[in-house]
Amino acid sequence: MEMNVDELVKLSEAWLPVVLEYSGKLTLALITLLIGWWLISRLMSSIDEHARSAVRWTAR
């Protein structure tokens, strides 16, 4: 029984290095996703403004 408790304690402590190893990668991936989302939003808004001005110009 003592060995099982020791194994459980080791397993419960083993997740911390894994979290520390991948948290930086996950943070970088999320930041990259947010920057990409922002850039696409800016691009789409620019295209929309250009299209609206072209429609206004042709409607004259």
PDB file of N, CA and C in Angstrom:
ATOM      1  N   MET A   1       0.823  -1.200   0.000  1.00  0.00           N
ATOM      2  CA  MET A   1       0.000   0.000   0.000  1.00  0.00           C
ATOM      3  C   MET A   1       0.868   1.265   0.000  1.00  0.00           C
ATOM      4  N   GLU A   2       1.980   1.188   0.704  1.00  0.00           N
ATOM      5  CA  GLU A   2       2.882   2.353   0.785  1.00  0.00           C
ATOM      6  C   GLU A   2       3.425   2.712  -0.596  1.00  0.00           C
ATOM      7  N   MET A   3       3.713   1.722  -1.401  1.00  0.00           N
ATOM      8  CA  MET A   3       4.259   1.977  -2.729  1.00  0.00           C
ATOM      9  C   MET A   3       3.220   2.676  -3.619  1.00  0.00           C
ATOM     10  N   ASN A   4       1.978   2.306  -3.526  1.00  0.00           N
ATOM     11  CA  ASN A   4       0.930   2.935  -4.327  1.00  0.00           C
ATOM     12  C   ASN A   4       0.759   4.404  -3.963  1.00  0.00           C
ATOM     13  N   VAL A   5       0.837   4.737  -2.684  1.00  0.00           N
ATOM     14  CA  VAL A   5       0.712   6.123  -2.253  1.00  0.00           C
ATOM     15  C   VAL A   5       1.885   6.930  -2.778  1.00  0.00           C
ATOM     16  N   ASP A   6       3.090   6.376  -2.716  1.00  0.00           N
ATOM     17  CA  ASP A   6       4.269   7.065  -3.241  1.00  0.00           C
ATOM     18  C   ASP A   6       4.148   7.298  -4.743  1.00  0.00           C
ATOM     19  N   GLU A   7       3.635   6.308  -5.451  1.00  0.00           N
ATOM     20  CA  GLU A   7       3.446   6.463  -6.901  1.00  0.00           C
ATOM     21  C   GLU A   7       2.420   7.551  -7.202  1.00  0.00           C
ATOM     22  N   LEU A   8       1.356   7.606  -6.422  1.00  0.00           N
ATOM     23  CA  LEU A   8       0.347   8.647  -6.620  1.00  0.00           C
ATOM     24  C   LEU A   8       0.912  10.034  -6.341  1.00  0.00           C
ATOM     25  N   VAL A   9       1.743  10.150  -5.338  1.00  0.00           N
ATOM     26  CA  VAL A   9       2.368  11.439  -5.031  1.00  0.00           C
ATOM     27  C   VAL A   9       3.292  11.852  -6.165  1.00  0.00           C
ATOM     28  N   LYS A  10       4.071  10.916  -6.697  1.00  0.00           N
ATOM     29  CA  LYS A  10       4.971  11.225  -7.814  1.00  0.00           C
ATOM     30  C   LYS A  10       4.182  11.644  -9.049  1.00  0.00           C
ATOM     31  N   LEU A  11       3.070  10.950  -9.317  1.00  0.00           N
ATOM     32  CA  LEU A  11       2.257  11.311 -10.476  1.00  0.00           C
ATOM     33  C   LEU A  11       1.619  12.686 -10.310  1.00  0.00           C
ATOM     34  N   SER A  12       1.209  13.006  -9.092  1.00  0.00           N
ATOM     35  CA  SER A  12       0.584  14.310  -8.873  1.00  0.00           C
ATOM     36  C   SER A  12       1.601  15.440  -8.990  1.00  0.00           C
ATOM     37  N   GLU A  13       2.864  15.163  -8.727  1.00  0.00           N
ATOM     38  CA  GLU A  13       3.909  16.174  -8.865  1.00  0.00           C
ATOM     39  C   GLU A  13       4.478  16.223 -10.280  1.00  0.00           C
ATOM     40  N   ALA A  14       4.198  15.247 -11.100  1.00  0.00           N
ATOM     41  CA  ALA A  14       4.781  15.170 -12.440  1.00  0.00           C
ATOM     42  C   ALA A  14       4.106  16.133 -13.420  1.00  0.00           C
ATOM     43  N   TRP A  15       2.911  16.604 -13.138  1.00  0.00           N
ATOM     44  CA  TRP A  15       2.213  17.471 -14.089  1.00  0.00           C
ATOM     45  C   TRP A  15       2.809  18.874 -14.135  1.00  0.00           C
ATOM     46  N   LEU A  16       3.445  19.326 -13.067  1.00  0.00           N
ATOM     47  CA  LEU A  16       3.987  20.681 -13.026  1.00  0.00           C
ATOM     48  C   LEU A  16       5.061  20.930 -14.085  1.00  0.00           C
ATOM     49  N   PRO A  17       6.049  20.064 -14.263  1.00  0.00           N
ATOM     50  CA  PRO A  17       7.026  20.313 -15.336  1.00  0.00           C
ATOM     51  C   PRO A  17       6.389  20.324 -16.726  1.00  0.00           C
ATOM     52  N   VAL A  18       5.384  19.499 -16.925  1.00  0.00           N
ATOM     53  CA  VAL A  18       4.708  19.464 -18.225  1.00  0.00           C
ATOM     54  C   VAL A  18       3.984  20.781 -18.466  1.00  0.00           C
ATOM     55  N   VAL A  19       3.294  21.284 -17.466  1.00  0.00           N
ATOM     56  CA  VAL A  19       2.584  22.554 -17.598  1.00  0.00           C
ATOM     57  C   VAL A  19       3.575  23.684 -17.842  1.00  0.00           C
ATOM     58  N   LEU A  20       4.674  23.703 -17.116  1.00  0.00           N
ATOM     59  CA  LEU A  20       5.671  24.753 -17.301  1.00  0.00           C
ATOM     60  C   LEU A  20       6.320  24.677 -18.678  1.00  0.00           C
ATOM     61  N   GLU A  21       6.496  23.469 -19.199  1.00  0.00           N
ATOM     62  CA  GLU A  21       7.118  23.305 -20.507  1.00  0.00           C
ATOM     63  C   GLU A  21       6.216  23.806 -21.628  1.00  0.00           C
ATOM     64  N   TYR A  22       4.938  23.504 -21.549  1.00  0.00           N
ATOM     65  CA  TYR A  22       4.024  23.831 -22.648  1.00  0.00           C
ATOM     66  C   TYR A  22       3.280  25.149 -22.471  1.00  0.00           C
ATOM     67  N   SER A  23       3.336  25.760 -21.303  1.00  0.00           N
ATOM     68  CA  SER A  23       2.601  27.009 -21.108  1.00  0.00           C
ATOM     69  C   SER A  23       3.178  28.130 -21.966  1.00  0.00           C
ATOM     70  N   GLY A  24       4.482  28.174 -22.143  1.00  0.00           N
ATOM     71  CA  GLY A  24       5.094  29.187 -23.007  1.00  0.00           C
ATOM     72  C   GLY A  24       4.686  29.007 -24.453  1.00  0.00           C
ATOM     73  N   LYS A  25       4.684  27.756 -24.905  1.00  0.00           N
ATOM     74  CA  LYS A  25       4.282  27.477 -26.283  1.00  0.00           C
ATOM     75  C   LYS A  25       2.809  27.805 -26.499  1.00  0.00           C
ATOM     76  N   LEU A  26       1.984  27.475 -25.536  1.00  0.00           N
ATOM     77  CA  LEU A  26       0.556  27.767 -25.640  1.00  0.00           C
ATOM     78  C   LEU A  26       0.304  29.268 -25.639  1.00  0.00           C
ATOM     79  N   THR A  27       1.019  29.988 -24.790  1.00  0.00           N
ATOM     80  CA  THR A  27       0.876  31.452 -24.746  1.00  0.00           C
ATOM     81  C   THR A  27       1.287  32.069 -26.072  1.00  0.00           C
ATOM     82  N   LEU A  28       2.403  31.626 -26.619  1.00  0.00           N
ATOM     83  CA  LEU A  28       2.854  32.143 -27.910  1.00  0.00           C
ATOM     84  C   LEU A  28       1.844  31.833 -29.012  1.00  0.00           C
ATOM     85  N   ALA A  29       1.268  30.640 -28.998  1.00  0.00           N
ATOM     86  CA  ALA A  29       0.266  30.275 -30.001  1.00  0.00           C
ATOM     87  C   ALA A  29      -0.977  31.154 -29.874  1.00  0.00           C
ATOM     88  N   LEU A  30      -1.414  31.416 -28.661  1.00  0.00           N
ATOM     89  CA  LEU A  30      -2.592  32.267 -28.462  1.00  0.00           C
ATOM     90  C   LEU A  30      -2.320  33.708 -28.885  1.00  0.00           C
ATOM     91  N   ILE A  31      -1.133  34.217 -28.574  1.00  0.00           N
ATOM     92  CA  ILE A  31      -0.779  35.578 -28.994  1.00  0.00           C
ATOM     93  C   ILE A  31      -0.734  35.658 -30.516  1.00  0.00           C
ATOM     94  N   THR A  32      -0.156  34.650 -31.156  1.00  0.00           N
ATOM     95  CA  THR A  32      -0.098  34.621 -32.615  1.00  0.00           C
ATOM     96  C   THR A  32      -1.498  34.571 -33.212  1.00  0.00           C
ATOM     97  N   LEU A  33      -2.372  33.784 -32.615  1.00  0.00           N
ATOM     98  CA  LEU A  33      -3.754  33.702 -33.080  1.00  0.00           C
ATOM     99  C   LEU A  33      -4.462  35.045 -32.960  1.00  0.00           C
ATOM    100  N   LEU A  34      -4.294  35.711 -31.841  1.00  0.00           N
ATOM    101  CA  LEU A  34      -4.948  37.007 -31.637  1.00  0.00           C
ATOM    102  C   LEU A  34      -4.409  38.065 -32.600  1.00  0.00           C
ATOM    103  N   ILE A  35      -3.112  38.091 -32.824  1.00  0.00           N
ATOM    104  CA  ILE A  35      -2.534  39.055 -33.762  1.00  0.00           C
ATOM    105  C   ILE A  35      -3.035  38.772 -35.177  1.00  0.00           C
ATOM    106  N   GLY A  36      -3.086  37.512 -35.569  1.00  0.00           N
ATOM    107  CA  GLY A  36      -3.604  37.155 -36.884  1.00  0.00           C
ATOM    108  C   GLY A  36      -5.061  37.531 -37.040  1.00  0.00           C
ATOM    109  N   TRP A  37      -5.844  37.295 -36.008  1.00  0.00           N
ATOM    110  CA  TRP A  37      -7.263  37.645 -36.033  1.00  0.00           C
ATOM    111  C   TRP A  37      -7.426  39.157 -36.181  1.00  0.00           C
ATOM    112  N   TRP A  38      -6.614  39.937 -35.442  1.00  0.00           N
ATOM    113  CA  TRP A  38      -6.666  41.393 -35.522  1.00  0.00           C
ATOM    114  C   TRP A  38      -6.268  41.876 -36.915  1.00  0.00           C
ATOM    115  N   LEU A  39      -5.197  41.293 -37.483  1.00  0.00           N
ATOM    116  CA  LEU A  39      -4.757  41.691 -38.816  1.00  0.00           C
ATOM    117  C   LEU A  39      -5.818  41.401 -39.875  1.00  0.00           C
ATOM    118  N   ILE A  40      -6.438  40.242 -39.797  1.00  0.00           N
ATOM    119  CA  ILE A  40      -7.486  39.899 -40.755  1.00  0.00           C
ATOM    120  C   ILE A  40      -8.672  40.843 -40.602  1.00  0.00           C
ATOM    121  N   SER A  41      -9.016  41.184 -39.377  1.00  0.00           N
ATOM    122  CA  SER A  41     -10.115  42.118 -39.141  1.00  0.00           C
ATOM    123  C   SER A  41      -9.798  43.478 -39.744  1.00  0.00           C
ATOM    124  N   ARG A  42      -8.572  43.968 -39.559  1.00  0.00           N
ATOM    125  CA  ARG A  42      -8.170  45.254 -40.134  1.00  0.00           C
ATOM    126  C   ARG A  42      -8.204  45.198 -41.658  1.00  0.00           C
ATOM    127  N   LEU A  43      -7.720  44.110 -42.225  1.00  0.00           N
ATOM    128  CA  LEU A  43      -7.715  43.959 -43.678  1.00  0.00           C
ATOM    129  C   LEU A  43      -9.138  43.944 -44.223  1.00  0.00           C
ATOM    130  N   MET A  44     -10.023  43.192 -43.576  1.00  0.00           N
ATOM    131  CA  MET A  44     -11.405  43.115 -44.037  1.00  0.00           C
ATOM    132  C   MET A  44     -12.102  44.468 -43.911  1.00  0.00           C
ATOM    133  N   SER A  45     -11.811  45.214 -42.861  1.00  0.00           N
ATOM    134  CA  SER A  45     -12.429  46.525 -42.708  1.00  0.00           C
ATOM    135  C   SER A  45     -11.907  47.487 -43.768  1.00  0.00           C
ATOM    136  N   SER A  46     -10.637  47.369 -44.111  1.00  0.00           N
ATOM    137  CA  SER A  46     -10.073  48.213 -45.162  1.00  0.00           C
ATOM    138  C   SER A  46     -10.699  47.886 -46.511  1.00  0.00           C
ATOM    139  N   ILE A  47     -10.863  46.609 -46.800  1.00  0.00           N
ATOM    140  CA  ILE A  47     -11.488  46.189 -48.055  1.00  0.00           C
ATOM    141  C   ILE A  47     -12.941  46.663 -48.096  1.00  0.00           C
ATOM    142  N   ASP A  48     -13.635  46.566 -46.968  1.00  0.00           N
ATOM    143  CA  ASP A  48     -15.034  47.011 -46.901  1.00  0.00           C
ATOM    144  C   ASP A  48     -15.140  48.515 -47.154  1.00  0.00           C
ATOM    145  N   GLU A  49     -14.260  49.301 -46.534  1.00  0.00           N
ATOM    146  CA  GLU A  49     -14.273  50.752 -46.756  1.00  0.00           C
ATOM    147  C   GLU A  49     -13.985  51.084 -48.222  1.00  0.00           C
ATOM    148  N   HIS A  50     -13.030  50.375 -48.808  1.00  0.00           N
ATOM    149  CA  HIS A  50     -12.686  50.616 -50.210  1.00  0.00           C
ATOM    150  C   HIS A  50     -13.876  50.266 -51.115  1.00  0.00           C
ATOM    151  N   ALA A  51     -14.541  49.169 -50.823  1.00  0.00           N
ATOM    152  CA  ALA A  51     -15.693  48.759 -51.629  1.00  0.00           C
ATOM    153  C   ALA A  51     -16.835  49.765 -51.491  1.00  0.00           C
ATOM    154  N   ARG A  52     -17.053  50.259 -50.278  1.00  0.00           N
ATOM    155  CA  ARG A  52     -18.123  51.248 -50.074  1.00  0.00           C
ATOM    156  C   ARG A  52     -17.821  52.548 -50.818  1.00  0.00           C
ATOM    157  N   SER A  53     -16.555  52.968 -50.811  1.00  0.00           N
ATOM    158  CA  SER A  53     -16.218  54.209 -51.520  1.00  0.00           C
ATOM    159  C   SER A  53     -16.329  54.013 -53.022  1.00  0.00           C
ATOM    160  N   ALA A  54     -16.028  52.816 -53.510  1.00  0.00           N
ATOM    161  CA  ALA A  54     -16.168  52.542 -54.942  1.00  0.00           C
ATOM    162  C   ALA A  54     -17.638  52.553 -55.347  1.00  0.00           C
ATOM    163  N   VAL A  55     -18.505  52.045 -54.479  1.00  0.00           N
ATOM    164  CA  VAL A  55     -19.942  52.051 -54.784  1.00  0.00           C
ATOM    165  C   VAL A  55     -20.464  53.472 -54.779  1.00  0.00           C
ATOM    166  N   ARG A  56     -20.014  54.291 -53.824  1.00  0.00           N
ATOM    167  CA  ARG A  56     -20.439  55.688 -53.771  1.00  0.00           C
ATOM    168  C   ARG A  56     -19.954  56.437 -55.015  1.00  0.00           C
ATOM    169  N   TRP A  57     -18.757  56.139 -55.476  1.00  0.00           N
ATOM    170  CA  TRP A  57     -18.191  56.821 -56.628  1.00  0.00           C
ATOM    171  C   TRP A  57     -18.951  56.458 -57.903  1.00  0.00           C
ATOM    172  N   THR A  58     -19.344  55.183 -58.048  1.00  0.00           N
ATOM    173  CA  THR A  58     -20.062  54.750 -59.234  1.00  0.00           C
ATOM    174  C   THR A  58     -21.528  55.187 -59.195  1.00  0.00           C
ATOM    175  N   ALA A  59     -22.071  55.465 -58.012  1.00  0.00           N
ATOM    176  CA  ALA A  59     -23.472  55.861 -57.913  1.00  0.00           C
ATOM    177  C   ALA A  59     -23.687  57.310 -58.315  1.00  0.00           C
ATOM    178  N   ARG A  60     -22.646  58.067 -58.463  1.00  0.00           N
ATOM    179  CA  ARG A  60     -22.780  59.488 -58.827  1.00  0.00           C
ATOM    180  C   ARG A  60     -23.270  59.681 -60.215  1.00  0.00           C
TER     181      ARG A  60
END
